[in-house]
Amino acid sequence: MTVLKVLTYPDPFLKTVVQPVVEFDQQLKKIADDMAETMYESNGIGLAATQVGIDMQMVVIDVLHKKDDEVDYEKKPLVMINPVIIEKTDKLFFEEGCLSVPDYRAEVERYGEIKVRYNQLDGSEITTEADGLFAICIQHELDHLKGILFIDKIPLLKRKMIQKKLKKQAAQ
């Protein structure tokens, strides 16, 4: 497996609306494995293909892998291809961060419960219900597939301040 380069704001590719996956082959599996390895290496809980410069609707998620004082969970990344949220309820605010927007966190409005339909690596379709952190993570990653960053969902003044600092850091 290969650790891929995670793009950071203001990289223009992060604003790309990516294309659906049409071929379910060994190359797709390798990309998913590389994305999962990158997510774990970056200590993230989710990663969208957009974040590593890949033009396809695929995300990897693992909200349980983080080590805590009591348990070291096994790594079991969930790969979602061509995901679509088909139901959503219970709006809430949740503090989010992002591998593509390092060192910044902000409260974002999301849904507390969702139902999502997606393809697995073999092309088969599945529907999953999610709540809590899992639901938040799915929504965050699916936004990436539409070229939306979590900072696009925060108040304008705070967003402009963060964008200015990130652009300054990128120029250095």
N, C-alpha and C. Protein backbone atom coordinates (compact mmCIF):
# COMPACT_ATOMS: atom_id res chain seq x y z
N MET A 1 0.84 -1.19 0.00
CA MET A 1 0.00 0.00 0.00
C MET A 1 0.88 1.24 0.00
N THR A 2 0.34 2.29 -0.56
CA THR A 2 1.06 3.55 -0.70
C THR A 2 0.33 4.65 0.07
N VAL A 3 1.10 5.47 0.77
CA VAL A 3 0.52 6.64 1.41
C VAL A 3 0.50 7.76 0.37
N LEU A 4 -0.68 8.29 0.12
CA LEU A 4 -0.87 9.33 -0.89
C LEU A 4 -0.72 10.72 -0.26
N LYS A 5 -0.46 11.71 -1.09
CA LYS A 5 -0.35 13.09 -0.61
C LYS A 5 -1.76 13.66 -0.42
N VAL A 6 -2.02 14.17 0.79
CA VAL A 6 -3.31 14.79 1.08
C VAL A 6 -3.24 16.26 0.65
N LEU A 7 -4.13 16.66 -0.23
CA LEU A 7 -4.18 18.04 -0.68
C LEU A 7 -4.72 18.92 0.44
N THR A 8 -4.19 20.13 0.55
CA THR A 8 -4.67 21.06 1.56
C THR A 8 -5.15 22.35 0.91
N TYR A 9 -6.09 22.99 1.61
CA TYR A 9 -6.62 24.26 1.15
C TYR A 9 -5.46 25.25 1.03
N PRO A 10 -5.35 26.00 -0.06
CA PRO A 10 -6.33 26.32 -1.09
C PRO A 10 -6.18 25.54 -2.41
N ASP A 11 -5.69 24.33 -2.38
CA ASP A 11 -5.54 23.56 -3.62
C ASP A 11 -6.87 23.55 -4.38
N PRO A 12 -6.87 23.97 -5.65
CA PRO A 12 -8.12 24.08 -6.41
C PRO A 12 -8.83 22.74 -6.65
N PHE A 13 -8.09 21.63 -6.62
CA PHE A 13 -8.74 20.34 -6.87
C PHE A 13 -9.77 20.01 -5.78
N LEU A 14 -9.59 20.57 -4.59
CA LEU A 14 -10.53 20.32 -3.50
C LEU A 14 -11.93 20.85 -3.81
N LYS A 15 -12.05 21.74 -4.79
CA LYS A 15 -13.35 22.28 -5.19
C LYS A 15 -13.97 21.48 -6.35
N THR A 16 -13.32 20.40 -6.75
CA THR A 16 -13.80 19.57 -7.86
C THR A 16 -15.02 18.74 -7.45
N VAL A 17 -16.01 18.71 -8.34
CA VAL A 17 -17.13 17.78 -8.20
C VAL A 17 -16.70 16.53 -8.98
N VAL A 18 -16.47 15.43 -8.27
CA VAL A 18 -15.86 14.26 -8.89
C VAL A 18 -16.88 13.37 -9.59
N GLN A 19 -16.36 12.50 -10.44
CA GLN A 19 -17.17 11.65 -11.31
C GLN A 19 -17.53 10.32 -10.64
N PRO A 20 -18.69 9.75 -11.01
CA PRO A 20 -19.06 8.43 -10.48
C PRO A 20 -18.09 7.36 -10.96
N VAL A 21 -17.95 6.33 -10.17
CA VAL A 21 -17.14 5.17 -10.54
C VAL A 21 -18.00 4.27 -11.43
N VAL A 22 -17.42 3.82 -12.54
CA VAL A 22 -18.16 2.92 -13.44
C VAL A 22 -17.48 1.56 -13.58
N GLU A 23 -16.18 1.49 -13.28
CA GLU A 23 -15.46 0.22 -13.37
C GLU A 23 -15.05 -0.24 -11.99
N PHE A 24 -15.48 -1.44 -11.63
CA PHE A 24 -15.16 -2.03 -10.34
C PHE A 24 -14.13 -3.14 -10.59
N ASP A 25 -12.86 -2.77 -10.48
CA ASP A 25 -11.78 -3.68 -10.83
C ASP A 25 -10.67 -3.65 -9.76
N GLN A 26 -9.57 -4.34 -10.04
CA GLN A 26 -8.45 -4.41 -9.10
C GLN A 26 -7.81 -3.04 -8.88
N GLN A 27 -7.82 -2.18 -9.88
CA GLN A 27 -7.26 -0.83 -9.73
C GLN A 27 -8.06 -0.04 -8.69
N LEU A 28 -9.38 -0.20 -8.70
CA LEU A 28 -10.23 0.46 -7.72
C LEU A 28 -9.90 -0.03 -6.31
N LYS A 29 -9.71 -1.32 -6.16
CA LYS A 29 -9.34 -1.90 -4.86
C LYS A 29 -8.02 -1.33 -4.37
N LYS A 30 -7.04 -1.19 -5.28
CA LYS A 30 -5.73 -0.63 -4.89
C LYS A 30 -5.88 0.82 -4.43
N ILE A 31 -6.68 1.60 -5.16
CA ILE A 31 -6.90 2.99 -4.77
C ILE A 31 -7.55 3.04 -3.38
N ALA A 32 -8.54 2.19 -3.15
CA ALA A 32 -9.20 2.15 -1.83
C ALA A 32 -8.21 1.78 -0.73
N ASP A 33 -7.35 0.81 -0.99
CA ASP A 33 -6.33 0.41 -0.01
C ASP A 33 -5.36 1.55 0.27
N ASP A 34 -4.94 2.24 -0.78
CA ASP A 34 -4.02 3.38 -0.62
C ASP A 34 -4.69 4.52 0.16
N MET A 35 -5.96 4.75 -0.14
CA MET A 35 -6.69 5.81 0.59
C MET A 35 -6.82 5.45 2.07
N ALA A 36 -7.13 4.19 2.36
CA ALA A 36 -7.25 3.76 3.76
C ALA A 36 -5.90 3.92 4.47
N GLU A 37 -4.85 3.49 3.83
CA GLU A 37 -3.50 3.63 4.43
C GLU A 37 -3.18 5.09 4.69
N THR A 38 -3.54 5.96 3.76
CA THR A 38 -3.31 7.40 3.91
C THR A 38 -4.12 7.96 5.08
N MET A 39 -5.38 7.54 5.19
CA MET A 39 -6.24 7.99 6.29
C MET A 39 -5.64 7.59 7.63
N TYR A 40 -5.21 6.34 7.76
CA TYR A 40 -4.64 5.88 9.02
C TYR A 40 -3.32 6.59 9.33
N GLU A 41 -2.49 6.73 8.32
CA GLU A 41 -1.19 7.39 8.51
C GLU A 41 -1.37 8.85 8.93
N SER A 42 -2.45 9.48 8.45
CA SER A 42 -2.73 10.88 8.76
C SER A 42 -3.55 11.03 10.05
N ASN A 43 -3.88 9.91 10.68
CA ASN A 43 -4.67 9.89 11.91
C ASN A 43 -6.06 10.50 11.71
N GLY A 44 -6.65 10.21 10.54
CA GLY A 44 -8.00 10.68 10.25
C GLY A 44 -9.01 9.58 10.47
N ILE A 45 -10.29 9.95 10.39
CA ILE A 45 -11.36 8.96 10.49
C ILE A 45 -12.13 8.83 9.18
N GLY A 46 -11.78 9.64 8.20
CA GLY A 46 -12.40 9.57 6.89
C GLY A 46 -11.53 10.27 5.86
N LEU A 47 -11.65 9.85 4.62
CA LEU A 47 -10.89 10.45 3.53
C LEU A 47 -11.66 10.27 2.23
N ALA A 48 -11.80 11.35 1.48
CA ALA A 48 -12.47 11.31 0.17
C ALA A 48 -11.41 11.31 -0.93
N ALA A 49 -11.73 10.69 -2.05
CA ALA A 49 -10.80 10.63 -3.18
C ALA A 49 -10.35 12.03 -3.60
N THR A 50 -11.25 12.99 -3.53
CA THR A 50 -10.92 14.37 -3.88
C THR A 50 -9.72 14.87 -3.09
N GLN A 51 -9.62 14.47 -1.83
CA GLN A 51 -8.56 14.96 -0.95
C GLN A 51 -7.17 14.46 -1.35
N VAL A 52 -7.12 13.41 -2.17
CA VAL A 52 -5.83 12.90 -2.63
C VAL A 52 -5.70 13.05 -4.15
N GLY A 53 -6.50 13.97 -4.71
CA GLY A 53 -6.37 14.31 -6.12
C GLY A 53 -6.92 13.30 -7.09
N ILE A 54 -7.87 12.47 -6.64
CA ILE A 54 -8.45 11.43 -7.50
C ILE A 54 -9.89 11.82 -7.85
N ASP A 55 -10.18 11.82 -9.15
CA ASP A 55 -11.48 12.24 -9.65
C ASP A 55 -12.45 11.06 -9.68
N MET A 56 -12.92 10.66 -8.50
CA MET A 56 -13.91 9.60 -8.42
C MET A 56 -14.70 9.70 -7.12
N GLN A 57 -15.93 9.23 -7.17
CA GLN A 57 -16.82 9.26 -6.00
C GLN A 57 -16.53 8.05 -5.10
N MET A 58 -15.51 8.21 -4.26
CA MET A 58 -15.17 7.15 -3.32
C MET A 58 -14.65 7.79 -2.03
N VAL A 59 -15.09 7.22 -0.90
CA VAL A 59 -14.59 7.63 0.40
C VAL A 59 -14.24 6.39 1.21
N VAL A 60 -13.32 6.57 2.15
CA VAL A 60 -13.03 5.53 3.14
C VAL A 60 -13.27 6.13 4.51
N ILE A 61 -13.86 5.32 5.39
CA ILE A 61 -14.23 5.80 6.73
C ILE A 61 -13.92 4.71 7.75
N ASP A 62 -13.40 5.13 8.89
CA ASP A 62 -13.22 4.22 10.02
C ASP A 62 -13.21 5.06 11.29
N VAL A 63 -14.37 5.21 11.91
CA VAL A 63 -14.48 6.05 13.10
C VAL A 63 -14.06 5.32 14.37
N LEU A 64 -13.80 4.01 14.29
CA LEU A 64 -13.44 3.24 15.48
C LEU A 64 -11.95 2.95 15.64
N HIS A 65 -11.14 3.20 14.64
CA HIS A 65 -9.75 2.73 14.69
C HIS A 65 -8.86 3.46 15.69
N LYS A 66 -9.26 4.64 16.11
CA LYS A 66 -8.40 5.43 17.00
C LYS A 66 -8.11 4.68 18.28
N LYS A 67 -6.88 4.76 18.70
CA LYS A 67 -6.45 4.12 19.93
C LYS A 67 -6.90 4.96 21.12
N ASP A 68 -7.41 4.32 22.15
CA ASP A 68 -7.66 5.04 23.38
C ASP A 68 -6.94 4.30 24.51
N ASP A 69 -7.11 4.73 25.73
CA ASP A 69 -6.39 4.13 26.85
C ASP A 69 -6.79 2.68 27.10
N GLU A 70 -8.00 2.32 26.73
CA GLU A 70 -8.51 0.99 27.05
C GLU A 70 -8.40 -0.01 25.90
N VAL A 71 -8.64 0.46 24.69
CA VAL A 71 -8.78 -0.47 23.57
C VAL A 71 -8.01 0.02 22.35
N ASP A 72 -7.39 -0.90 21.64
CA ASP A 72 -6.78 -0.60 20.35
C ASP A 72 -7.63 -1.32 19.30
N TYR A 73 -8.55 -0.60 18.68
CA TYR A 73 -9.49 -1.21 17.75
C TYR A 73 -8.78 -1.67 16.48
N GLU A 74 -9.30 -2.74 15.92
CA GLU A 74 -8.79 -3.25 14.66
C GLU A 74 -9.17 -2.29 13.53
N LYS A 75 -8.27 -2.13 12.58
CA LYS A 75 -8.56 -1.26 11.44
C LYS A 75 -9.49 -1.99 10.48
N LYS A 76 -10.68 -1.41 10.27
CA LYS A 76 -11.66 -1.97 9.34
C LYS A 76 -12.27 -0.83 8.54
N PRO A 77 -11.57 -0.37 7.52
CA PRO A 77 -12.12 0.76 6.76
C PRO A 77 -13.36 0.36 5.96
N LEU A 78 -14.33 1.26 5.98
CA LEU A 78 -15.53 1.11 5.17
C LEU A 78 -15.30 1.90 3.89
N VAL A 79 -15.43 1.24 2.75
CA VAL A 79 -15.27 1.90 1.45
C VAL A 79 -16.66 2.14 0.89
N MET A 80 -16.94 3.40 0.57
CA MET A 80 -18.23 3.77 -0.03
C MET A 80 -17.96 4.35 -1.41
N ILE A 81 -18.58 3.76 -2.41
CA ILE A 81 -18.39 4.20 -3.80
C ILE A 81 -19.73 4.71 -4.31
N ASN A 82 -19.70 5.85 -4.97
CA ASN A 82 -20.92 6.50 -5.49
C ASN A 82 -21.98 6.66 -4.40
N PRO A 83 -21.60 7.16 -3.23
CA PRO A 83 -22.56 7.25 -2.12
C PRO A 83 -23.58 8.38 -2.30
N VAL A 84 -24.80 8.11 -1.83
CA VAL A 84 -25.88 9.09 -1.88
C VAL A 84 -26.67 8.99 -0.58
N ILE A 85 -26.87 10.12 0.08
CA ILE A 85 -27.71 10.14 1.27
C ILE A 85 -29.16 10.15 0.80
N ILE A 86 -29.93 9.18 1.30
CA ILE A 86 -31.32 9.05 0.84
C ILE A 86 -32.33 9.43 1.92
N GLU A 87 -31.90 9.52 3.17
CA GLU A 87 -32.75 10.00 4.26
C GLU A 87 -31.88 10.72 5.27
N LYS A 88 -32.45 11.75 5.92
CA LYS A 88 -31.70 12.48 6.95
C LYS A 88 -32.67 13.11 7.93
N THR A 89 -32.31 13.04 9.22
CA THR A 89 -33.15 13.62 10.27
C THR A 89 -32.28 14.14 11.40
N ASP A 90 -32.90 14.90 12.29
CA ASP A 90 -32.27 15.36 13.54
C ASP A 90 -31.04 16.24 13.32
N LYS A 91 -31.27 17.49 12.93
CA LYS A 91 -30.15 18.42 12.76
C LYS A 91 -29.46 18.68 14.09
N LEU A 92 -28.16 18.84 14.02
CA LEU A 92 -27.35 19.14 15.19
C LEU A 92 -26.09 19.88 14.77
N PHE A 93 -25.37 20.42 15.74
CA PHE A 93 -24.08 21.06 15.46
C PHE A 93 -22.98 20.17 16.03
N PHE A 94 -21.88 20.06 15.28
CA PHE A 94 -20.78 19.20 15.68
C PHE A 94 -19.47 19.87 15.30
N GLU A 95 -18.50 19.84 16.19
CA GLU A 95 -17.20 20.43 15.88
C GLU A 95 -16.41 19.49 14.98
N GLU A 96 -15.99 20.01 13.83
CA GLU A 96 -15.29 19.20 12.84
C GLU A 96 -13.90 19.76 12.56
N GLY A 97 -13.06 18.86 12.09
CA GLY A 97 -11.75 19.21 11.56
C GLY A 97 -11.61 18.48 10.24
N CYS A 98 -10.49 18.68 9.56
CA CYS A 98 -10.32 18.07 8.24
C CYS A 98 -8.84 17.95 7.92
N LEU A 99 -8.46 16.82 7.33
CA LEU A 99 -7.07 16.64 6.93
C LEU A 99 -6.65 17.66 5.87
N SER A 100 -7.60 18.16 5.10
CA SER A 100 -7.29 19.14 4.06
C SER A 100 -7.33 20.58 4.56
N VAL A 101 -7.75 20.76 5.80
CA VAL A 101 -7.76 22.08 6.43
C VAL A 101 -7.09 21.91 7.80
N PRO A 102 -5.78 21.66 7.79
CA PRO A 102 -5.10 21.32 9.04
C PRO A 102 -5.14 22.44 10.08
N ASP A 103 -5.19 22.02 11.33
CA ASP A 103 -5.08 22.92 12.48
C ASP A 103 -6.30 23.80 12.71
N TYR A 104 -7.41 23.56 12.05
CA TYR A 104 -8.61 24.36 12.26
C TYR A 104 -9.80 23.45 12.53
N ARG A 105 -10.66 23.88 13.44
CA ARG A 105 -11.88 23.16 13.77
C ARG A 105 -13.01 24.19 13.86
N ALA A 106 -14.22 23.75 13.57
CA ALA A 106 -15.36 24.66 13.66
C ALA A 106 -16.65 23.85 13.81
N GLU A 107 -17.65 24.49 14.42
CA GLU A 107 -18.97 23.90 14.56
C GLU A 107 -19.68 23.93 13.20
N VAL A 108 -20.20 22.80 12.79
CA VAL A 108 -20.89 22.68 11.50
C VAL A 108 -22.25 22.02 11.75
N GLU A 109 -23.28 22.52 11.06
CA GLU A 109 -24.60 21.90 11.18
C GLU A 109 -24.67 20.67 10.28
N ARG A 110 -25.09 19.56 10.86
CA ARG A 110 -25.22 18.29 10.14
C ARG A 110 -26.51 17.61 10.59
N TYR A 111 -26.74 16.43 10.07
CA TYR A 111 -27.85 15.60 10.50
C TYR A 111 -27.33 14.52 11.44
N GLY A 112 -28.06 14.24 12.50
CA GLY A 112 -27.64 13.25 13.49
C GLY A 112 -27.90 11.82 13.07
N GLU A 113 -28.85 11.64 12.13
CA GLU A 113 -29.18 10.30 11.62
C GLU A 113 -29.36 10.39 10.12
N ILE A 114 -28.74 9.44 9.41
CA ILE A 114 -28.88 9.40 7.95
C ILE A 114 -29.01 7.96 7.47
N LYS A 115 -29.46 7.83 6.25
CA LYS A 115 -29.44 6.55 5.54
C LYS A 115 -28.71 6.83 4.23
N VAL A 116 -27.73 6.01 3.91
CA VAL A 116 -26.91 6.23 2.72
C VAL A 116 -26.87 4.96 1.87
N ARG A 117 -26.98 5.17 0.56
CA ARG A 117 -26.88 4.06 -0.41
C ARG A 117 -25.55 4.22 -1.15
N TYR A 118 -24.84 3.12 -1.34
CA TYR A 118 -23.54 3.18 -2.01
C TYR A 118 -23.20 1.82 -2.59
N ASN A 119 -22.16 1.81 -3.43
CA ASN A 119 -21.63 0.56 -3.97
C ASN A 119 -20.44 0.12 -3.12
N GLN A 120 -20.28 -1.20 -3.03
CA GLN A 120 -19.10 -1.78 -2.41
C GLN A 120 -18.05 -1.99 -3.50
N LEU A 121 -16.88 -2.46 -3.12
CA LEU A 121 -15.79 -2.64 -4.08
C LEU A 121 -16.12 -3.61 -5.21
N ASP A 122 -17.02 -4.55 -4.96
CA ASP A 122 -17.40 -5.51 -6.01
C ASP A 122 -18.53 -4.97 -6.90
N GLY A 123 -18.98 -3.75 -6.61
CA GLY A 123 -20.04 -3.13 -7.40
C GLY A 123 -21.43 -3.33 -6.84
N SER A 124 -21.59 -4.24 -5.90
CA SER A 124 -22.91 -4.47 -5.32
C SER A 124 -23.37 -3.24 -4.54
N GLU A 125 -24.68 -3.04 -4.51
CA GLU A 125 -25.25 -1.88 -3.84
C GLU A 125 -25.72 -2.26 -2.44
N ILE A 126 -25.53 -1.33 -1.51
CA ILE A 126 -25.92 -1.57 -0.12
C ILE A 126 -26.48 -0.27 0.45
N THR A 127 -27.35 -0.40 1.44
CA THR A 127 -27.88 0.76 2.14
C THR A 127 -27.53 0.60 3.62
N THR A 128 -27.05 1.68 4.23
CA THR A 128 -26.63 1.66 5.63
C THR A 128 -27.26 2.83 6.37
N GLU A 129 -27.67 2.58 7.60
CA GLU A 129 -28.12 3.65 8.47
C GLU A 129 -26.97 4.04 9.37
N ALA A 130 -26.86 5.33 9.67
CA ALA A 130 -25.77 5.82 10.50
C ALA A 130 -26.28 6.90 11.43
N ASP A 131 -25.65 6.98 12.60
CA ASP A 131 -25.95 8.08 13.51
C ASP A 131 -24.67 8.52 14.21
N GLY A 132 -24.78 9.59 14.96
CA GLY A 132 -23.64 10.08 15.73
C GLY A 132 -22.44 10.43 14.86
N LEU A 133 -21.25 10.13 15.37
CA LEU A 133 -20.00 10.46 14.68
C LEU A 133 -19.93 9.81 13.30
N PHE A 134 -20.45 8.59 13.18
CA PHE A 134 -20.44 7.90 11.89
C PHE A 134 -21.24 8.70 10.85
N ALA A 135 -22.42 9.17 11.22
CA ALA A 135 -23.25 9.97 10.31
C ALA A 135 -22.57 11.29 9.96
N ILE A 136 -21.97 11.94 10.95
CA ILE A 136 -21.26 13.20 10.72
C ILE A 136 -20.12 12.99 9.73
N CYS A 137 -19.33 11.95 9.95
CA CYS A 137 -18.19 11.66 9.09
C CYS A 137 -18.62 11.39 7.66
N ILE A 138 -19.68 10.61 7.49
CA ILE A 138 -20.17 10.32 6.13
C ILE A 138 -20.56 11.62 5.43
N GLN A 139 -21.30 12.49 6.11
CA GLN A 139 -21.73 13.75 5.50
C GLN A 139 -20.53 14.62 5.13
N HIS A 140 -19.54 14.68 6.02
CA HIS A 140 -18.33 15.47 5.78
C HIS A 140 -17.61 14.96 4.53
N GLU A 141 -17.42 13.64 4.44
CA GLU A 141 -16.70 13.07 3.29
C GLU A 141 -17.50 13.20 2.00
N LEU A 142 -18.81 13.03 2.06
CA LEU A 142 -19.62 13.17 0.86
C LEU A 142 -19.62 14.62 0.36
N ASP A 143 -19.52 15.57 1.27
CA ASP A 143 -19.36 16.97 0.85
C ASP A 143 -18.10 17.14 0.00
N HIS A 144 -17.02 16.49 0.38
CA HIS A 144 -15.78 16.58 -0.40
C HIS A 144 -16.01 16.15 -1.85
N LEU A 145 -16.85 15.15 -2.05
CA LEU A 145 -17.10 14.66 -3.42
C LEU A 145 -17.83 15.69 -4.27
N LYS A 146 -18.42 16.69 -3.60
CA LYS A 146 -19.12 17.77 -4.30
C LYS A 146 -18.30 19.06 -4.29
N GLY A 147 -17.03 18.97 -3.86
CA GLY A 147 -16.18 20.15 -3.83
C GLY A 147 -16.47 21.09 -2.66
N ILE A 148 -17.05 20.56 -1.60
CA ILE A 148 -17.42 21.38 -0.44
C ILE A 148 -16.53 21.01 0.74
N LEU A 149 -15.93 22.01 1.36
CA LEU A 149 -15.14 21.82 2.58
C LEU A 149 -15.97 22.25 3.78
N PHE A 150 -15.63 21.75 4.96
CA PHE A 150 -16.41 22.11 6.14
C PHE A 150 -16.36 23.61 6.39
N ILE A 151 -15.29 24.28 6.00
CA ILE A 151 -15.21 25.73 6.20
C ILE A 151 -16.19 26.49 5.30
N ASP A 152 -16.68 25.83 4.25
CA ASP A 152 -17.71 26.45 3.40
C ASP A 152 -19.05 26.52 4.11
N LYS A 153 -19.19 25.82 5.23
CA LYS A 153 -20.46 25.73 5.95
C LYS A 153 -20.48 26.54 7.24
N ILE A 154 -19.44 27.34 7.47
CA ILE A 154 -19.38 28.13 8.70
C ILE A 154 -19.65 29.60 8.36
N PRO A 155 -19.94 30.42 9.37
CA PRO A 155 -20.23 31.83 9.10
C PRO A 155 -19.13 32.53 8.30
N LEU A 156 -19.55 33.43 7.43
CA LEU A 156 -18.67 34.09 6.48
C LEU A 156 -17.45 34.74 7.12
N LEU A 157 -17.61 35.48 8.18
CA LEU A 157 -16.49 36.17 8.82
C LEU A 157 -15.43 35.19 9.29
N LYS A 158 -15.84 34.13 9.97
CA LYS A 158 -14.89 33.12 10.45
C LYS A 158 -14.24 32.39 9.28
N ARG A 159 -15.03 32.08 8.24
CA ARG A 159 -14.51 31.41 7.05
C ARG A 159 -13.43 32.25 6.38
N LYS A 160 -13.71 33.55 6.19
CA LYS A 160 -12.73 34.44 5.54
C LYS A 160 -11.43 34.52 6.34
N MET A 161 -11.54 34.56 7.67
CA MET A 161 -10.37 34.61 8.52
C MET A 161 -9.51 33.34 8.36
N ILE A 162 -10.17 32.18 8.39
CA ILE A 162 -9.45 30.91 8.23
C ILE A 162 -8.84 30.81 6.84
N GLN A 163 -9.60 31.18 5.80
CA GLN A 163 -9.10 31.12 4.43
C GLN A 163 -7.87 32.00 4.25
N LYS A 164 -7.91 33.19 4.82
CA LYS A 164 -6.78 34.12 4.72
C LYS A 164 -5.52 33.52 5.36
N LYS A 165 -5.67 32.94 6.55
CA LYS A 165 -4.53 32.32 7.23
C LYS A 165 -3.99 31.14 6.45
N LEU A 166 -4.90 30.31 5.91
CA LEU A 166 -4.46 29.14 5.16
C LEU A 166 -3.76 29.51 3.85
N LYS A 167 -4.25 30.54 3.18
CA LYS A 167 -3.60 31.00 1.95
C LYS A 167 -2.21 31.56 2.24
N LYS A 168 -2.09 32.26 3.36
CA LYS A 168 -0.80 32.81 3.77
C LYS A 168 0.18 31.68 4.08
N GLN A 169 -0.27 30.66 4.80
CA GLN A 169 0.57 29.50 5.10
C GLN A 169 1.01 28.78 3.83
N ALA A 170 0.10 28.62 2.87
CA ALA A 170 0.40 27.93 1.63
C ALA A 170 1.42 28.69 0.79
N ALA A 171 1.41 30.02 0.89
CA ALA A 171 2.34 30.85 0.12
C ALA A 171 3.76 30.80 0.69
N GLN A 172 3.88 30.42 1.94
CA GLN A 172 5.22 30.39 2.58
C GLN A 172 6.00 29.16 2.20
